[in-house]
């Protein structure tokens, strides 16, 4: 061993020791079968071709009153920057309600599918998850294909697999864009998008608080789960960057028959019993806790509508995790989220990586798996919502 090598190693040693002390990876189950995203490519949509031609007279009149071309639906191209204008938000909601009310097969064309998928992308990045999944629901093909998950006795127990149940739900209007969404989108201040760097710190949330969210005394019409990944280095398979190890969490949504919805985003975290060593390679085990991630940023997201049976299995998983110990390599945030995703009927196949003194599922590898198309579902990928910043692909 040369003297120069020894000198270089001695200089790097303090950094290595620091990483071992500070690293607390939040991290996940595997599915099978790789895929390449087959959803409509929304990057080249000419939104001007989808202007407010089908909007009602009241909406068109309001648009004319504003004396602005951007009031037309072409402002969806840069929707994130227009949401500070309450009038524009109101016009958009009026258009969406008109669009959602039109269920005729003649007008349900590929252009409309692309538009709905683009809207789902935008609303997801604004953390308006119930509205995002409503838009995504409109993009799911209605026809049942061989090999789909079989339906059960419940009318909507196999939502995206049972075409008859899906069409019934579609015609019922439970997932239509309606006045119940106004409070989420029109009357509120501008939603915080993922580009906002002033991310709030996630606070602890109890199992009772999570379950209480869905015990609202209302009859459910549908359920959905979203799987979020925040990589330590967006677009890179790095397991950690200094003390940043990323995070993986989920969002659960319950849609009610009165057109309302409730949702909560949360993940599994280390309790940090020992502030210095807990959840590090030196002491990978500590108490676990849930934290509210409603305001947590993410780089990649997957989503799927699920049956009541699958929703109940996920709720049982949450109960089983209540009070469970966190382990850096064996039971981290990604382990929890991947198990929930598996119960929802989808998964990511490339999730494992290694770090000093440990290895396992982690956000960096999992996010990269999504970017590379390593996603699978019980019905293929046609009923899985996928969203990420396409610029991340350039970082590979």
Protein backbone atom coordinates (compact mmCIF):
# COMPACT_ATOMS: atom_id res chain seq x y z
CA UNK A 1 0.00 0.00 0.00
CA UNK A 2 1.52 3.34 -1.09
CA UNK A 3 2.00 6.30 1.24
CA UNK A 4 -0.16 8.49 -1.03
CA UNK A 5 -3.01 5.99 -0.78
CA UNK A 6 -2.74 5.97 3.02
CA UNK A 7 -2.82 9.79 3.08
CA UNK A 8 -5.92 9.89 0.86
CA UNK A 9 -7.66 7.29 3.01
CA UNK A 10 -6.80 9.13 6.23
CA UNK A 11 -8.32 12.31 4.84
CA UNK A 12 -11.52 10.49 3.85
CA UNK A 13 -11.85 8.59 7.14
CA UNK A 14 -13.60 11.40 9.08
CA UNK A 15 -16.21 11.67 6.32
CA UNK A 16 -16.83 7.91 6.35
CA UNK A 17 -17.22 7.91 10.12
CA UNK A 18 -19.62 10.85 9.88
CA UNK A 19 -21.76 8.99 7.34
CA UNK A 20 -21.91 5.92 9.51
CA UNK A 21 -23.07 7.97 12.47
CA UNK A 22 -25.61 10.14 10.69
CA UNK A 23 -27.07 7.78 8.14
CA UNK A 24 -30.65 6.78 8.92
CA UNK A 25 -32.12 5.31 5.79
CA UNK A 26 -35.86 5.40 5.47
CA UNK A 27 -36.59 2.76 3.37
CA UNK A 28 -39.50 -1.87 1.30
CA UNK A 29 -41.37 -6.22 -1.18
CA UNK A 30 -40.85 -6.87 -4.73
CA UNK A 31 -43.32 -7.64 -7.47
CA UNK A 32 -42.21 -9.17 -10.72
CA UNK A 33 -41.93 -8.38 -14.39
CA UNK A 34 -40.47 -5.17 -15.74
CA UNK A 35 -42.47 -2.75 -17.79
CA UNK A 36 -42.02 0.32 -19.86
CA UNK A 37 -44.66 3.00 -19.24
CA UNK A 38 -47.46 2.56 -21.77
CA UNK A 39 -49.61 5.45 -20.63
CA UNK A 40 -50.31 8.24 -23.13
CA UNK A 41 -47.35 10.55 -23.52
CA UNK A 42 -48.67 13.93 -22.41
CA UNK A 43 -45.51 15.88 -23.11
CA UNK A 44 -46.45 16.76 -26.68
CA UNK A 45 -50.16 17.47 -26.27
CA UNK A 46 -51.39 20.54 -28.10
CA UNK A 47 -53.69 21.82 -25.41
CA UNK A 48 -54.94 24.53 -27.80
CA UNK A 49 -56.71 21.76 -29.72
CA UNK A 50 -58.59 20.98 -26.50
CA UNK A 51 -59.86 24.48 -25.81
CA UNK A 52 -63.18 25.21 -24.16
CA UNK A 53 -65.24 24.05 -27.14
CA UNK A 54 -67.36 21.76 -24.99
CA UNK A 55 -67.64 24.10 -22.01
CA UNK A 56 -71.06 25.50 -21.16
CA UNK A 57 -72.15 29.02 -22.02
CA UNK A 58 -71.66 30.32 -18.50
CA UNK A 59 -68.04 29.19 -18.41
CA UNK A 60 -67.37 30.65 -21.87
CA UNK A 61 -68.96 33.94 -20.88
CA UNK A 62 -66.81 34.12 -17.78
CA UNK A 63 -63.76 33.46 -19.91
CA UNK A 64 -64.67 36.31 -22.24
CA UNK A 65 -65.15 38.65 -19.29
CA UNK A 66 -61.57 38.03 -18.20
CA UNK A 67 -60.30 39.31 -21.60
CA UNK A 68 -57.37 36.91 -21.43
CA UNK A 69 -56.43 34.13 -23.82
CA UNK A 70 -54.80 32.22 -20.97
CA UNK A 71 -58.22 31.68 -19.41
CA UNK A 72 -58.82 29.04 -22.06
CA UNK A 73 -57.81 25.51 -21.24
CA UNK A 74 -54.41 26.12 -22.83
CA UNK A 75 -53.24 27.42 -19.46
CA UNK A 76 -53.15 23.78 -18.34
CA UNK A 77 -49.73 23.73 -19.99
CA UNK A 78 -48.49 25.94 -17.17
CA UNK A 79 -51.24 25.29 -14.68
CA UNK A 80 -48.92 25.40 -11.69
CA UNK A 81 -48.19 29.07 -12.34
CA UNK A 82 -51.81 30.09 -12.92
CA UNK A 83 -53.32 28.72 -9.73
CA UNK A 84 -52.73 31.96 -7.83
CA UNK A 85 -55.62 33.46 -9.80
CA UNK A 86 -58.91 32.46 -8.20
CA UNK A 87 -60.90 33.33 -11.32
CA UNK A 88 -58.79 31.03 -13.47
CA UNK A 89 -59.14 28.22 -10.94
CA UNK A 90 -62.90 28.69 -10.97
CA UNK A 91 -63.00 28.62 -14.77
CA UNK A 92 -60.91 25.45 -14.83
CA UNK A 93 -63.20 23.73 -12.33
CA UNK A 94 -66.22 24.69 -14.43
CA UNK A 95 -64.59 23.15 -17.47
CA UNK A 96 -63.57 20.01 -15.58
CA UNK A 97 -67.10 19.48 -14.30
CA UNK A 98 -68.45 19.88 -17.82
CA UNK A 99 -65.80 17.52 -19.17
CA UNK A 100 -66.44 14.94 -16.46
CA UNK A 101 -70.20 15.03 -16.98
CA UNK A 102 -69.80 14.05 -20.63
CA UNK A 103 -69.50 10.24 -20.57
CA UNK A 104 -70.52 9.57 -24.17
CA UNK A 105 -68.33 7.14 -26.08
CA UNK A 106 -68.19 9.55 -29.04
CA UNK A 107 -66.41 12.26 -27.10
CA UNK A 108 -64.28 9.87 -25.04
CA UNK A 109 -61.34 9.87 -27.43
CA UNK A 110 -57.57 9.67 -27.15
CA UNK A 111 -57.24 13.44 -26.89
CA UNK A 112 -59.50 13.48 -23.87
CA UNK A 113 -57.58 10.59 -22.31
CA UNK A 114 -54.34 12.53 -22.73
CA UNK A 115 -55.92 15.62 -21.24
CA UNK A 116 -57.17 13.72 -18.19
CA UNK A 117 -53.77 12.12 -17.70
CA UNK A 118 -52.06 15.50 -17.94
CA UNK A 119 -54.48 16.89 -15.34
CA UNK A 120 -53.80 13.91 -13.08
CA UNK A 121 -50.07 14.68 -13.34
CA UNK A 122 -50.58 18.33 -12.45
CA UNK A 123 -52.94 17.72 -9.53
CA UNK A 124 -50.69 15.02 -8.10
CA UNK A 125 -47.74 17.41 -8.09
CA UNK A 126 -49.93 19.95 -6.33
CA UNK A 127 -50.71 17.27 -3.72
CA UNK A 128 -54.40 17.32 -4.67
CA UNK A 129 -54.40 13.53 -4.67
CA UNK A 130 -58.18 12.81 -4.63
CA UNK A 131 -58.64 15.10 -7.63
CA UNK A 132 -55.61 13.61 -9.39
CA UNK A 133 -56.95 10.07 -9.08
CA UNK A 134 -60.39 11.17 -10.24
CA UNK A 135 -58.78 12.42 -13.44
CA UNK A 136 -56.73 9.24 -13.76
CA UNK A 137 -59.89 7.15 -13.38
CA UNK A 138 -61.12 8.66 -16.63
CA UNK A 139 -58.07 7.31 -18.47
CA UNK A 140 -58.58 3.67 -17.48
CA UNK A 141 -59.94 1.59 -20.33
CA UNK A 142 -63.41 0.24 -19.69
CA UNK A 143 -62.97 -3.12 -21.37
CA UNK A 144 -62.06 -6.18 -19.35
CA UNK A 145 -59.15 -8.19 -20.74
CA UNK A 146 -58.25 -11.88 -20.20
CA UNK A 147 -56.26 -12.48 -17.03
CA UNK A 148 -57.74 -9.58 -15.07
CA UNK A 149 -58.23 -10.01 -11.35
CA UNK A 150 -61.63 -11.72 -10.88
CA UNK A 151 -64.47 -9.75 -9.37
CA UNK A 152 -66.03 -10.57 -6.01
CA UNK A 153 -69.51 -10.34 -4.56
CA UNK A 154 -69.21 -6.62 -3.86
CA UNK A 155 -70.38 -4.36 -6.68
CA UNK A 156 -67.11 -2.43 -6.65
CA UNK A 157 -64.87 -4.90 -4.87
CA UNK A 158 -62.68 -5.31 -7.92
CA UNK A 159 -62.89 -1.80 -9.27
CA UNK A 160 -60.37 -1.71 -12.09
CA UNK A 161 -60.62 -5.41 -12.93
CA UNK A 162 -64.40 -5.80 -13.22
CA UNK A 163 -65.41 -3.72 -16.23
CA UNK A 164 -69.11 -3.85 -15.37
CA UNK A 165 -68.42 -2.54 -11.86
CA UNK A 166 -66.13 0.14 -13.23
CA UNK A 167 -68.68 1.31 -15.79
CA UNK A 168 -71.38 1.33 -13.11
CA UNK A 169 -69.17 3.45 -10.89
CA UNK A 170 -68.37 5.77 -13.79
CA UNK A 171 -72.04 6.29 -14.64
CA UNK A 172 -72.95 6.77 -10.98
CA UNK A 173 -71.01 10.01 -10.98
CA UNK A 174 -69.29 9.25 -7.67
CA UNK A 175 -65.89 9.98 -9.23
CA UNK A 176 -67.02 12.90 -11.35
CA UNK A 177 -65.47 16.32 -10.88
CA UNK A 178 -68.10 18.23 -8.91
CA UNK A 179 -68.74 21.00 -6.39
CA UNK A 180 -67.20 18.90 -3.62
CA UNK A 181 -63.82 19.45 -5.27
CA UNK A 182 -64.25 23.22 -5.21
CA UNK A 183 -63.21 23.43 -1.58
CA UNK A 184 -59.97 21.63 -2.45
CA UNK A 185 -59.18 23.64 -5.51
CA UNK A 186 -61.21 26.81 -6.03
CA UNK A 187 -61.76 28.39 -2.64
CA UNK A 188 -58.45 27.51 -1.04
CA UNK A 189 -55.21 29.46 -1.40
CA UNK A 190 -52.87 28.35 -4.15
CA UNK A 191 -51.93 24.71 -3.49
CA UNK A 192 -48.28 24.11 -2.67
CA UNK A 193 -46.51 22.33 -5.51
CA UNK A 194 -43.49 20.07 -5.30
CA UNK A 195 -41.17 22.85 -6.43
CA UNK A 196 -41.75 24.73 -3.20
CA UNK A 197 -38.59 24.24 -1.15
CA UNK A 198 -40.27 25.29 2.11
CA UNK A 199 -41.36 21.77 2.88
CA UNK A 200 -42.97 21.33 6.27
CA UNK A 201 -41.43 18.83 8.65
CA UNK A 202 -43.56 15.72 9.03
CA UNK A 203 -45.07 15.32 12.49
CA UNK A 204 -46.05 12.15 14.30
CA UNK A 205 -49.49 10.74 13.60
CA UNK A 206 -51.15 7.94 15.56
CA UNK A 207 -52.77 4.80 14.24
CA UNK A 208 -56.08 5.98 15.72
CA UNK A 209 -55.81 9.26 13.84
CA UNK A 210 -55.18 7.45 10.56
CA UNK A 211 -58.12 5.08 10.99
CA UNK A 212 -60.30 7.90 12.28
CA UNK A 213 -59.83 9.72 8.99
CA UNK A 214 -61.75 7.00 7.19
CA UNK A 215 -64.35 6.38 9.89
CA UNK A 216 -66.31 9.43 8.78
CA UNK A 217 -69.72 7.77 8.96
CA UNK A 218 -70.17 7.92 5.19
CA UNK A 219 -70.66 5.10 2.72
CA UNK A 220 -67.64 4.42 0.55
CA UNK A 221 -67.86 4.42 -3.24
CA UNK A 222 -64.21 3.68 -4.04
CA UNK A 223 -60.68 3.57 -2.59
CA UNK A 224 -57.23 4.37 -3.93
CA UNK A 225 -53.61 4.10 -2.81
CA UNK A 226 -50.62 6.16 -3.95
CA UNK A 227 -46.99 5.16 -3.44
CA UNK A 228 -44.54 8.08 -3.18
CA UNK A 229 -40.74 8.04 -3.35
CA UNK A 230 -38.38 10.90 -2.50
CA UNK A 231 -34.86 9.96 -3.61
CA UNK A 232 -31.76 11.28 -1.82
CA UNK A 233 -30.55 12.47 -5.23
CA UNK A 234 -33.44 12.82 -7.72
CA UNK A 235 -32.86 10.72 -10.82
CA UNK A 236 -29.90 8.87 -9.33
CA UNK A 237 -29.76 5.41 -7.67
CA UNK A 238 -27.73 6.76 -4.73
CA UNK A 239 -28.76 5.19 -1.42
CA UNK A 240 -27.75 8.28 0.54
CA UNK A 241 -26.15 11.68 0.21
CA UNK A 242 -24.48 12.70 3.47
CA UNK A 243 -27.27 12.41 6.06
CA UNK A 244 -30.06 12.48 3.46
CA UNK A 245 -31.48 9.03 2.79
CA UNK A 246 -34.77 9.99 1.14
CA UNK A 247 -38.18 8.67 2.12
CA UNK A 248 -40.99 6.42 0.88
CA UNK A 249 -44.60 6.88 1.99
CA UNK A 250 -48.20 6.23 0.94
CA UNK A 251 -51.47 8.09 0.53
CA UNK A 252 -54.82 6.42 1.14
CA UNK A 253 -58.03 7.88 -0.30
CA UNK A 254 -61.66 7.04 0.41
CA UNK A 255 -64.31 8.36 -1.98
CA UNK A 256 -67.83 8.57 -0.57
CA UNK A 257 -71.20 8.18 -2.25
CA UNK A 258 -72.06 11.80 -1.39
CA UNK A 259 -69.18 12.84 -3.70
CA UNK A 260 -66.93 13.84 -0.79
CA UNK A 261 -63.55 12.27 -0.12
CA UNK A 262 -61.05 11.88 2.72
CA UNK A 263 -57.35 11.10 2.47
CA UNK A 264 -54.15 10.99 4.49
CA UNK A 265 -50.48 10.67 3.51
CA UNK A 266 -48.12 9.01 5.97
CA UNK A 267 -44.98 6.91 6.29
CA UNK A 268 -43.05 4.76 8.73
CA UNK A 269 -40.16 6.46 10.56
CA UNK A 270 -37.53 5.68 13.21
CA UNK A 271 -38.41 7.04 16.64
CA UNK A 272 -34.76 7.95 17.36
CA UNK A 273 -34.56 6.56 20.92
CA UNK A 274 -30.87 7.47 20.89
CA UNK A 275 -30.36 10.74 19.03
CA UNK A 276 -26.87 9.86 17.83
CA UNK A 277 -26.93 6.17 17.00
CA UNK A 278 -30.61 5.24 16.42
CA UNK A 279 -31.41 3.97 12.91
CA UNK A 280 -27.76 4.10 11.84
CA UNK A 281 -25.57 1.22 10.67
CA UNK A 282 -24.13 1.08 14.20
CA UNK A 283 -27.55 0.66 15.81
CA UNK A 284 -30.08 -0.16 13.06
CA UNK A 285 -32.99 -0.98 15.38
CA UNK A 286 -35.12 1.51 17.29
CA UNK A 287 -38.77 2.24 18.01
CA UNK A 288 -40.94 2.97 14.98
CA UNK A 289 -43.61 5.60 14.48
CA UNK A 290 -45.92 6.96 11.79
CA UNK A 291 -45.64 10.54 10.58
CA UNK A 292 -48.05 12.68 8.60
CA UNK A 293 -46.55 13.24 5.13
CA UNK A 294 -49.34 15.34 3.60
CA UNK A 295 -46.80 18.07 2.84
CA UNK A 296 -43.86 15.80 2.00
CA UNK A 297 -42.19 16.22 -1.39
CA UNK A 298 -41.67 13.29 -3.75
CA UNK A 299 -39.90 12.52 -7.03
CA UNK A 300 -41.90 9.51 -8.28
CA UNK A 301 -45.43 8.31 -7.55
CA UNK A 302 -47.52 5.27 -8.45
CA UNK A 303 -51.25 5.00 -7.80
CA UNK A 304 -54.08 2.52 -8.21
CA UNK A 305 -57.77 2.24 -7.38
CA UNK A 306 -58.32 -0.67 -5.00
CA UNK A 307 -61.16 -2.77 -3.69
CA UNK A 308 -62.64 -2.63 -0.22
CA UNK A 309 -60.99 -5.97 0.49
CA UNK A 310 -57.56 -4.59 -0.41
CA UNK A 311 -58.19 -1.42 1.55
CA UNK A 312 -59.02 -3.50 4.63
CA UNK A 313 -55.80 -5.51 4.24
CA UNK A 314 -53.80 -2.29 4.12
CA UNK A 315 -55.56 -1.02 7.24
CA UNK A 316 -54.62 -4.26 9.00
CA UNK A 317 -51.02 -3.77 7.88
CA UNK A 318 -51.07 -0.31 9.45
CA UNK A 319 -52.40 -1.80 12.67
CA UNK A 320 -49.66 -4.45 12.64
CA UNK A 321 -47.04 -1.70 12.22
CA UNK A 322 -48.42 0.34 15.10
CA UNK A 323 -45.76 0.01 17.80
CA UNK A 324 -43.49 -2.12 15.59
CA UNK A 325 -39.73 -1.53 15.74
CA UNK A 326 -37.94 0.20 12.89
CA UNK A 327 -34.90 -1.55 11.40
CA UNK A 328 -32.62 0.21 8.94
CA UNK A 329 -32.08 -2.87 6.76
CA UNK A 330 -35.13 -5.04 7.41
CA UNK A 331 -38.10 -2.86 8.33
CA UNK A 332 -37.76 0.71 7.14
CA UNK A 333 -40.11 3.20 5.46
CA UNK A 334 -39.69 1.60 2.03
CA UNK A 335 -40.40 -1.88 3.41
CA UNK A 336 -43.68 -0.60 4.84
CA UNK A 337 -44.71 1.26 1.68
CA UNK A 338 -43.84 -1.69 -0.58
CA UNK A 339 -45.93 -4.05 1.54
CA UNK A 340 -48.87 -1.64 1.30
CA UNK A 341 -48.38 -1.42 -2.47
CA UNK A 342 -48.32 -5.21 -2.76
CA UNK A 343 -51.68 -5.36 -0.96
CA UNK A 344 -52.92 -2.76 -3.45
CA UNK A 345 -51.95 -5.03 -6.34
CA UNK A 346 -48.73 -3.51 -7.69
CA UNK A 347 -45.05 -3.28 -6.88
CA UNK A 348 -41.53 -2.21 -7.88
CA UNK A 349 -38.99 -4.89 -8.72
CA UNK A 350 -35.75 -2.93 -8.32
CA UNK A 351 -35.65 -1.72 -4.72
CA UNK A 352 -32.54 -3.05 -3.00
CA UNK A 353 -29.20 -1.36 -2.43
CA UNK A 354 -26.33 -1.42 0.04
CA UNK A 355 -24.65 0.99 2.44
CA UNK A 356 -21.89 0.70 5.07
CA UNK A 357 -22.69 -2.26 7.34
CA UNK A 358 -26.11 -2.83 5.78
CA UNK A 359 -28.30 -3.43 2.76
CA UNK A 360 -31.98 -3.58 1.86
CA UNK A 361 -34.87 -1.74 0.28
CA UNK A 362 -34.39 2.02 0.06
CA UNK A 363 -35.88 5.12 -1.62
CA UNK A 364 -32.91 5.79 -3.92
CA UNK A 365 -33.01 2.40 -5.62
CA UNK A 366 -36.81 2.19 -5.58
CA UNK A 367 -37.24 5.57 -7.23
CA UNK A 368 -34.72 4.61 -9.87
CA UNK A 369 -36.64 1.38 -10.42
CA UNK A 370 -39.77 3.39 -11.21
CA UNK A 371 -37.83 5.62 -13.61
CA UNK A 372 -36.46 2.57 -15.43
CA UNK A 373 -39.90 0.95 -15.72
CA UNK A 374 -39.43 -1.79 -13.10
CA UNK A 375 -43.11 -1.71 -12.12
CA UNK A 376 -45.71 -4.47 -12.28
CA UNK A 377 -49.32 -5.03 -11.31
CA UNK A 378 -51.90 -7.78 -11.14
CA UNK A 379 -53.49 -6.42 -14.31
CA UNK A 380 -50.29 -5.34 -15.97
CA UNK A 381 -49.74 -1.59 -15.76
CA UNK A 382 -52.79 -0.22 -17.54
CA UNK A 383 -54.56 0.60 -14.27
CA UNK A 384 -51.50 2.06 -12.50
CA UNK A 385 -50.99 5.81 -12.39
CA UNK A 386 -47.33 6.77 -12.92
CA UNK A 387 -45.88 10.25 -12.55
CA UNK A 388 -42.39 11.70 -12.33
CA UNK A 389 -40.45 14.64 -13.67
CA UNK A 390 -39.22 13.59 -17.11
CA UNK A 391 -36.07 15.64 -16.61
CA UNK A 392 -34.99 13.01 -14.07
CA UNK A 393 -34.49 10.56 -16.92
CA UNK A 394 -31.74 12.82 -18.24
CA UNK A 395 -29.83 12.32 -15.01
CA UNK A 396 -29.43 8.59 -15.58
